[in-house]
C-alpha atoms as a PDB file:
ATOM      1  CA  MET A   1    -126.538  35.585 -42.873  1.00  0.00           C
ATOM      2  CA  GLY A   2    -127.501  35.208 -45.942  1.00  0.00           C
ATOM      3  CA  LEU A   3    -131.318  35.580 -45.012  1.00  0.00           C
ATOM      4  CA  ASP A   4    -130.405  38.389 -43.369  1.00  0.00           C
ATOM      5  CA  ILE A   5    -129.810  40.420 -46.619  1.00  0.00           C
ATOM      6  CA  ARG A   6    -132.014  38.676 -49.186  1.00  0.00           C
ATOM      7  CA  ILE A   7    -135.133  39.913 -45.981  1.00  0.00           C
ATOM      8  CA  PRO A   8    -133.684  43.444 -46.848  1.00  0.00           C
ATOM      9  CA  LEU A   9    -133.682  43.782 -50.171  1.00  0.00           C
ATOM     10  CA  GLY A  10    -136.874  41.977 -50.563  1.00  0.00           C
ATOM     11  CA  MET A  11    -138.638  44.735 -48.426  1.00  0.00           C
ATOM     12  CA  ILE A  12    -136.634  47.268 -50.321  1.00  0.00           C
ATOM     13  CA  PHE A  13    -137.875  46.554 -53.825  1.00  0.00           C
ATOM     14  CA  LEU A  14    -141.104  45.840 -52.442  1.00  0.00           C
ATOM     15  CA  ALA A  15    -140.922  49.835 -51.397  1.00  0.00           C
ATOM     16  CA  ILE A  16    -139.921  50.582 -55.309  1.00  0.00           C
ATOM     17  CA  GLY A  17    -142.766  48.614 -56.636  1.00  0.00           C
ATOM     18  CA  GLY A  18    -145.527  50.120 -54.377  1.00  0.00           C
ATOM     19  CA  ILE A  19    -143.888  53.624 -54.900  1.00  0.00           C
ATOM     20  CA  MET A  20    -143.551  53.436 -58.743  1.00  0.00           C
ATOM     21  CA  ALA A  21    -146.625  51.968 -58.754  1.00  0.00           C
ATOM     22  CA  LEU A  22    -148.192  55.708 -57.106  1.00  0.00           C
ATOM     23  CA  PHE A  23    -146.042  57.708 -59.173  1.00  0.00           C
ATOM     24  CA  GLY A  24    -147.626  56.272 -62.239  1.00  0.00           C
ATOM     25  CA  ILE A  25    -151.365  56.068 -60.564  1.00  0.00           C
ATOM     26  CA  PHE A  26    -150.190  60.272 -59.946  1.00  0.00           C
ATOM     27  CA  THR A  27    -149.156  60.820 -63.442  1.00  0.00           C
END
Protein backbone atom coordinates (compact mmCIF):
# COMPACT_ATOMS: atom_id res chain seq x y z
CA MET A 1 0.00 0.00 0.00
CA GLY A 2 2.93 2.32 0.65
CA LEU A 3 4.11 1.96 -2.95
CA ASP A 4 0.59 2.71 -4.24
CA ILE A 5 0.80 6.07 -2.45
CA ARG A 6 4.46 6.87 -3.14
CA ILE A 7 4.47 6.30 -6.92
CA PRO A 8 1.57 8.72 -7.72
CA LEU A 9 3.05 11.32 -5.35
CA GLY A 10 6.38 11.08 -7.19
CA MET A 11 4.62 11.55 -10.53
CA ILE A 12 2.72 14.56 -9.16
CA PHE A 13 5.97 16.14 -7.94
CA LEU A 14 7.61 15.51 -11.33
CA ALA A 15 4.61 17.06 -13.12
CA ILE A 16 4.69 20.12 -10.84
CA GLY A 17 8.45 20.46 -11.36
CA GLY A 18 8.01 20.27 -15.15
CA ILE A 19 5.24 22.88 -15.10
CA MET A 20 7.31 25.22 -12.91
CA ALA A 21 10.27 24.78 -15.29
CA LEU A 22 8.07 25.56 -18.32
CA PHE A 23 6.67 28.69 -16.67
CA GLY A 24 10.23 29.70 -15.73
CA ILE A 25 11.23 29.44 -19.41
CA PHE A 26 8.17 31.28 -20.77
CA THR A 27 8.33 34.16 -18.32
